[in-house]
């Protein structure tokens, strides 16, 4: 299994980009094997990126006193819950169904898929830290509202970590998976 940390990784390892060089990202949408299911999967990734961005922006606005507390807590609860639950479901499906399908189609990329599964384990920890900070902040509305803004600062740090994590992981996942899908005419 590849052990390259997502924190130090600047993209896929060179040996995992053989098909990406053959099928560059800017050609994907026009490729005849680019199926609706691939677009849907990438659309889910776009949604995760957007939710992460909304959470960061809302928290910044709240901390800068540009958003009312009640609205912020409502939005962080709704968007945070959607992001955490959707990511867990999405990554569980990828680990159990999607990655094994890709590995069976092209075993050259097993190490890269294992690396991405390792990312999923790391993301579980990141999401857990975010959830704990968010839940504590929401509880402070009743227990001790004077601490709410301090906890929102912690939520912001966790949300930024999620955003950085997703930026690297989702790009690497797409750069590995989509060329395999196109090359082997999968999911069409």
C-alpha atoms as a PDB file:
ATOM      1  CA  UNK A   1       0.000   0.000   0.000  1.00  0.00           C
ATOM      2  CA  UNK A   2       1.233   3.503  -0.813  1.00  0.00           C
ATOM      3  CA  UNK A   3       1.811   5.521   2.294  1.00  0.00           C
ATOM      4  CA  UNK A   4       2.216   8.956   0.755  1.00  0.00           C
ATOM      5  CA  UNK A   5       0.433  11.400   3.066  1.00  0.00           C
ATOM      6  CA  UNK A   6      -2.285  13.579   1.642  1.00  0.00           C
ATOM      7  CA  UNK A   7      -0.629  16.502   3.447  1.00  0.00           C
ATOM      8  CA  UNK A   8       2.588  16.138   1.455  1.00  0.00           C
ATOM      9  CA  UNK A   9       1.212  14.774  -1.790  1.00  0.00           C
ATOM     10  CA  UNK A  10       1.261  17.180  -4.725  1.00  0.00           C
ATOM     11  CA  UNK A  11      -0.854  14.947  -6.940  1.00  0.00           C
ATOM     12  CA  UNK A  12      -0.815  11.346  -7.989  1.00  0.00           C
ATOM     13  CA  UNK A  13       2.498   9.503  -7.901  1.00  0.00           C
ATOM     14  CA  UNK A  14       4.066   9.398 -11.380  1.00  0.00           C
ATOM     15  CA  UNK A  15       3.413   5.691 -11.868  1.00  0.00           C
ATOM     16  CA  UNK A  16      -0.310   6.277 -11.331  1.00  0.00           C
ATOM     17  CA  UNK A  17      -0.621   8.854 -14.137  1.00  0.00           C
ATOM     18  CA  UNK A  18      -0.027   6.615 -17.171  1.00  0.00           C
ATOM     19  CA  UNK A  19      -3.662   6.742 -18.285  1.00  0.00           C
ATOM     20  CA  UNK A  20      -4.075  10.371 -17.236  1.00  0.00           C
ATOM     21  CA  UNK A  21      -1.376  11.302 -19.736  1.00  0.00           C
ATOM     22  CA  UNK A  22      -3.318   9.386 -22.391  1.00  0.00           C
ATOM     23  CA  UNK A  23      -6.667  10.873 -21.308  1.00  0.00           C
ATOM     24  CA  UNK A  24      -6.001  14.437 -20.039  1.00  0.00           C
ATOM     25  CA  UNK A  25      -8.663  16.033 -17.847  1.00  0.00           C
ATOM     26  CA  UNK A  26      -9.644  18.675 -20.415  1.00  0.00           C
ATOM     27  CA  UNK A  27     -10.667  15.934 -22.895  1.00  0.00           C
ATOM     28  CA  UNK A  28     -12.948  13.975 -20.574  1.00  0.00           C
ATOM     29  CA  UNK A  29     -16.335  15.603 -21.224  1.00  0.00           C
ATOM     30  CA  UNK A  30     -15.989  15.188 -24.989  1.00  0.00           C
ATOM     31  CA  UNK A  31     -14.711  11.621 -24.868  1.00  0.00           C
ATOM     32  CA  UNK A  32     -17.207   9.091 -26.323  1.00  0.00           C
ATOM     33  CA  UNK A  33     -16.819   6.878 -23.214  1.00  0.00           C
ATOM     34  CA  UNK A  34     -17.610   9.719 -20.803  1.00  0.00           C
ATOM     35  CA  UNK A  35     -20.897   8.326 -19.475  1.00  0.00           C
ATOM     36  CA  UNK A  36     -23.625  10.066 -17.502  1.00  0.00           C
ATOM     37  CA  UNK A  37     -22.634   7.980 -14.472  1.00  0.00           C
ATOM     38  CA  UNK A  38     -19.134   9.499 -14.559  1.00  0.00           C
ATOM     39  CA  UNK A  39     -20.604  12.997 -14.735  1.00  0.00           C
ATOM     40  CA  UNK A  40     -22.883  12.149 -11.803  1.00  0.00           C
ATOM     41  CA  UNK A  41     -19.976  10.851  -9.713  1.00  0.00           C
ATOM     42  CA  UNK A  42     -17.947  13.981 -10.486  1.00  0.00           C
ATOM     43  CA  UNK A  43     -21.047  16.054  -9.713  1.00  0.00           C
ATOM     44  CA  UNK A  44     -21.077  14.547  -6.224  1.00  0.00           C
ATOM     45  CA  UNK A  45     -17.465  15.656  -5.853  1.00  0.00           C
ATOM     46  CA  UNK A  46     -18.418  19.170  -6.953  1.00  0.00           C
ATOM     47  CA  UNK A  47     -21.171  19.177  -4.321  1.00  0.00           C
ATOM     48  CA  UNK A  48     -18.695  18.173  -1.586  1.00  0.00           C
ATOM     49  CA  UNK A  49     -16.336  20.950  -2.630  1.00  0.00           C
ATOM     50  CA  UNK A  50     -19.201  23.474  -2.656  1.00  0.00           C
ATOM     51  CA  UNK A  51     -20.492  22.402   0.766  1.00  0.00           C
ATOM     52  CA  UNK A  52     -16.999  22.672   2.219  1.00  0.00           C
ATOM     53  CA  UNK A  53     -16.675  26.157   0.772  1.00  0.00           C
ATOM     54  CA  UNK A  54     -20.075  27.251   2.129  1.00  0.00           C
ATOM     55  CA  UNK A  55     -19.147  26.056   5.611  1.00  0.00           C
ATOM     56  CA  UNK A  56     -15.843  27.963   5.551  1.00  0.00           C
ATOM     57  CA  UNK A  57     -17.455  31.130   4.162  1.00  0.00           C
ATOM     58  CA  UNK A  58     -20.398  31.037   6.581  1.00  0.00           C
ATOM     59  CA  UNK A  59     -18.083  30.548   9.554  1.00  0.00           C
ATOM     60  CA  UNK A  60     -15.856  33.410   8.428  1.00  0.00           C
ATOM     61  CA  UNK A  61     -18.899  35.651   8.015  1.00  0.00           C
ATOM     62  CA  UNK A  62     -20.185  34.675  11.469  1.00  0.00           C
ATOM     63  CA  UNK A  63     -16.806  35.362  13.073  1.00  0.00           C
ATOM     64  CA  UNK A  64     -16.634  38.732  11.298  1.00  0.00           C
ATOM     65  CA  UNK A  65     -20.142  39.474  12.643  1.00  0.00           C
ATOM     66  CA  UNK A  66     -21.598  39.582   9.126  1.00  0.00           C
ATOM     67  CA  UNK A  67     -24.060  36.742   9.825  1.00  0.00           C
ATOM     68  CA  UNK A  68     -26.535  36.421  12.672  1.00  0.00           C
ATOM     69  CA  UNK A  69     -25.916  33.626  15.162  1.00  0.00           C
ATOM     70  CA  UNK A  70     -29.264  31.868  14.624  1.00  0.00           C
ATOM     71  CA  UNK A  71     -28.839  31.786  10.852  1.00  0.00           C
ATOM     72  CA  UNK A  72     -25.253  30.606  11.160  1.00  0.00           C
ATOM     73  CA  UNK A  73     -26.114  27.773  13.550  1.00  0.00           C
ATOM     74  CA  UNK A  74     -28.968  26.677  11.289  1.00  0.00           C
ATOM     75  CA  UNK A  75     -26.729  26.703   8.215  1.00  0.00           C
ATOM     76  CA  UNK A  76     -23.745  25.010   9.865  1.00  0.00           C
ATOM     77  CA  UNK A  77     -26.018  22.283  11.190  1.00  0.00           C
ATOM     78  CA  UNK A  78     -27.670  21.699   7.837  1.00  0.00           C
ATOM     79  CA  UNK A  79     -24.592  21.976   5.614  1.00  0.00           C
ATOM     80  CA  UNK A  80     -22.237  20.255   8.046  1.00  0.00           C
ATOM     81  CA  UNK A  81     -24.597  17.312   8.451  1.00  0.00           C
ATOM     82  CA  UNK A  82     -25.088  17.030   4.688  1.00  0.00           C
ATOM     83  CA  UNK A  83     -21.333  17.095   4.040  1.00  0.00           C
ATOM     84  CA  UNK A  84     -20.402  14.566   6.722  1.00  0.00           C
ATOM     85  CA  UNK A  85     -23.154  12.064   5.947  1.00  0.00           C
ATOM     86  CA  UNK A  86     -22.795  12.362   2.181  1.00  0.00           C
ATOM     87  CA  UNK A  87     -19.026  11.893   2.305  1.00  0.00           C
ATOM     88  CA  UNK A  88     -19.310   8.831   4.535  1.00  0.00           C
ATOM     89  CA  UNK A  89     -21.865   7.235   2.210  1.00  0.00           C
ATOM     90  CA  UNK A  90     -19.952   8.162  -0.937  1.00  0.00           C
ATOM     91  CA  UNK A  91     -16.625   6.834   0.305  1.00  0.00           C
ATOM     92  CA  UNK A  92     -18.171   3.637   1.649  1.00  0.00           C
ATOM     93  CA  UNK A  93     -19.623   2.974  -1.824  1.00  0.00           C
ATOM     94  CA  UNK A  94     -16.286   3.740  -3.468  1.00  0.00           C
ATOM     95  CA  UNK A  95     -14.341   1.432  -1.142  1.00  0.00           C
ATOM     96  CA  UNK A  96     -16.796  -1.467  -1.391  1.00  0.00           C
ATOM     97  CA  UNK A  97     -17.991  -1.291  -5.000  1.00  0.00           C
ATOM     98  CA  UNK A  98     -16.296   1.292  -7.210  1.00  0.00           C
ATOM     99  CA  UNK A  99     -12.602   0.795  -6.388  1.00  0.00           C
ATOM    100  CA  UNK A 100     -12.818  -3.018  -6.642  1.00  0.00           C
ATOM    101  CA  UNK A 101     -14.423  -2.564 -10.085  1.00  0.00           C
ATOM    102  CA  UNK A 102     -11.578  -0.265 -11.172  1.00  0.00           C
ATOM    103  CA  UNK A 103      -8.941  -2.603  -9.764  1.00  0.00           C
ATOM    104  CA  UNK A 104     -10.452  -5.587 -11.593  1.00  0.00           C
ATOM    105  CA  UNK A 105     -10.433  -3.604 -14.846  1.00  0.00           C
ATOM    106  CA  UNK A 106      -6.814  -2.433 -14.494  1.00  0.00           C
ATOM    107  CA  UNK A 107      -4.685  -3.947 -11.692  1.00  0.00           C
ATOM    108  CA  UNK A 108      -1.779  -1.608 -12.575  1.00  0.00           C
ATOM    109  CA  UNK A 109      -3.486   0.998 -10.411  1.00  0.00           C
ATOM    110  CA  UNK A 110      -4.094  -1.089  -7.274  1.00  0.00           C
ATOM    111  CA  UNK A 111      -1.537   0.888  -5.264  1.00  0.00           C
ATOM    112  CA  UNK A 112      -3.200   4.183  -6.212  1.00  0.00           C
ATOM    113  CA  UNK A 113      -6.636   2.888  -5.270  1.00  0.00           C
ATOM    114  CA  UNK A 114      -5.255   1.686  -1.933  1.00  0.00           C
ATOM    115  CA  UNK A 115      -3.786   5.154  -1.410  1.00  0.00           C
ATOM    116  CA  UNK A 116      -7.226   6.663  -2.003  1.00  0.00           C
ATOM    117  CA  UNK A 117      -8.809   4.191   0.436  1.00  0.00           C
ATOM    118  CA  UNK A 118      -6.207   5.324   2.961  1.00  0.00           C
ATOM    119  CA  UNK A 119      -7.325   8.885   2.321  1.00  0.00           C
ATOM    120  CA  UNK A 120     -10.858   7.805   3.202  1.00  0.00           C
ATOM    121  CA  UNK A 121      -9.635   6.544   6.578  1.00  0.00           C
ATOM    122  CA  UNK A 122      -7.862   9.839   7.182  1.00  0.00           C
ATOM    123  CA  UNK A 123     -10.946  11.751   6.142  1.00  0.00           C
ATOM    124  CA  UNK A 124     -12.988   9.852   8.739  1.00  0.00           C
ATOM    125  CA  UNK A 125     -10.800  11.375  11.445  1.00  0.00           C
ATOM    126  CA  UNK A 126     -11.036  14.856   9.947  1.00  0.00           C
ATOM    127  CA  UNK A 127     -14.822  14.606   9.706  1.00  0.00           C
ATOM    128  CA  UNK A 128     -15.039  13.335  13.285  1.00  0.00           C
ATOM    129  CA  UNK A 129     -13.051  16.336  14.569  1.00  0.00           C
ATOM    130  CA  UNK A 130     -15.269  18.699  12.579  1.00  0.00           C
ATOM    131  CA  UNK A 131     -18.438  17.014  13.882  1.00  0.00           C
ATOM    132  CA  UNK A 132     -17.280  17.207  17.495  1.00  0.00           C
ATOM    133  CA  UNK A 133     -16.367  20.898  17.178  1.00  0.00           C
ATOM    134  CA  UNK A 134     -19.624  21.716  15.395  1.00  0.00           C
ATOM    135  CA  UNK A 135     -21.761  19.840  17.915  1.00  0.00           C
ATOM    136  CA  UNK A 136     -19.966  21.500  20.820  1.00  0.00           C
ATOM    137  CA  UNK A 137     -20.509  24.906  19.253  1.00  0.00           C
ATOM    138  CA  UNK A 138     -24.225  24.254  18.747  1.00  0.00           C
ATOM    139  CA  UNK A 139     -24.542  23.064  22.375  1.00  0.00           C
ATOM    140  CA  UNK A 140     -22.805  26.209  23.608  1.00  0.00           C
ATOM    141  CA  UNK A 141     -25.706  28.277  22.281  1.00  0.00           C
ATOM    142  CA  UNK A 142     -27.626  27.018  25.332  1.00  0.00           C
ATOM    143  CA  UNK A 143     -24.868  26.095  27.773  1.00  0.00           C
ATOM    144  CA  UNK A 144     -22.529  29.088  27.498  1.00  0.00           C
ATOM    145  CA  UNK A 145     -23.126  31.452  24.571  1.00  0.00           C
ATOM    146  CA  UNK A 146     -20.050  33.486  25.534  1.00  0.00           C
ATOM    147  CA  UNK A 147     -17.833  30.625  24.293  1.00  0.00           C
ATOM    148  CA  UNK A 148     -19.670  30.123  21.013  1.00  0.00           C
ATOM    149  CA  UNK A 149     -17.429  32.374  18.913  1.00  0.00           C
ATOM    150  CA  UNK A 150     -14.268  30.739  20.278  1.00  0.00           C
ATOM    151  CA  UNK A 151     -15.640  27.344  19.286  1.00  0.00           C
ATOM    152  CA  UNK A 152     -16.621  28.732  15.875  1.00  0.00           C
ATOM    153  CA  UNK A 153     -12.928  29.511  15.384  1.00  0.00           C
ATOM    154  CA  UNK A 154     -12.189  25.825  15.970  1.00  0.00           C
ATOM    155  CA  UNK A 155     -14.955  24.876  13.527  1.00  0.00           C
ATOM    156  CA  UNK A 156     -13.361  27.182  10.966  1.00  0.00           C
ATOM    157  CA  UNK A 157     -10.003  25.456  11.396  1.00  0.00           C
ATOM    158  CA  UNK A 158     -11.606  22.035  10.962  1.00  0.00           C
ATOM    159  CA  UNK A 159     -13.610  23.212   7.940  1.00  0.00           C
ATOM    160  CA  UNK A 160     -10.461  24.553   6.287  1.00  0.00           C
ATOM    161  CA  UNK A 161      -8.761  21.212   6.924  1.00  0.00           C
ATOM    162  CA  UNK A 162     -11.681  19.421   5.256  1.00  0.00           C
ATOM    163  CA  UNK A 163     -11.523  21.775   2.291  1.00  0.00           C
ATOM    164  CA  UNK A 164      -7.753  21.232   1.816  1.00  0.00           C
ATOM    165  CA  UNK A 165      -8.185  17.482   2.222  1.00  0.00           C
ATOM    166  CA  UNK A 166     -11.002  17.321  -0.316  1.00  0.00           C
ATOM    167  CA  UNK A 167      -9.178  19.526  -2.828  1.00  0.00           C
ATOM    168  CA  UNK A 168      -6.244  17.089  -2.958  1.00  0.00           C
ATOM    169  CA  UNK A 169      -8.140  13.828  -2.510  1.00  0.00           C
ATOM    170  CA  UNK A 170     -10.947  14.470  -4.992  1.00  0.00           C
ATOM    171  CA  UNK A 171      -8.559  15.729  -7.674  1.00  0.00           C
ATOM    172  CA  UNK A 172      -6.354  12.644  -7.240  1.00  0.00           C
ATOM    173  CA  UNK A 173      -9.378  10.346  -7.202  1.00  0.00           C
ATOM    174  CA  UNK A 174     -10.747  11.823 -10.419  1.00  0.00           C
ATOM    175  CA  UNK A 175      -7.329  11.818 -12.095  1.00  0.00           C
ATOM    176  CA  UNK A 176      -6.920   8.118 -11.339  1.00  0.00           C
ATOM    177  CA  UNK A 177     -10.473   6.836 -11.809  1.00  0.00           C
ATOM    178  CA  UNK A 178     -11.781   8.714 -14.849  1.00  0.00           C
ATOM    179  CA  UNK A 179      -8.984   7.641 -17.208  1.00  0.00           C
ATOM    180  CA  UNK A 180      -9.530   4.003 -16.130  1.00  0.00           C
ATOM    181  CA  UNK A 181     -13.251   4.382 -16.784  1.00  0.00           C
ATOM    182  CA  UNK A 182     -12.662   5.934 -20.206  1.00  0.00           C
ATOM    183  CA  UNK A 183      -9.949   3.489 -21.247  1.00  0.00           C
ATOM    184  CA  UNK A 184     -11.957   0.398 -20.282  1.00  0.00           C
ATOM    185  CA  UNK A 185     -15.369   1.777 -21.265  1.00  0.00           C
ATOM    186  CA  UNK A 186     -16.806   1.268 -17.788  1.00  0.00           C
ATOM    187  CA  UNK A 187     -20.019   2.623 -16.326  1.00  0.00           C
ATOM    188  CA  UNK A 188     -21.444   3.475 -19.763  1.00  0.00           C
END
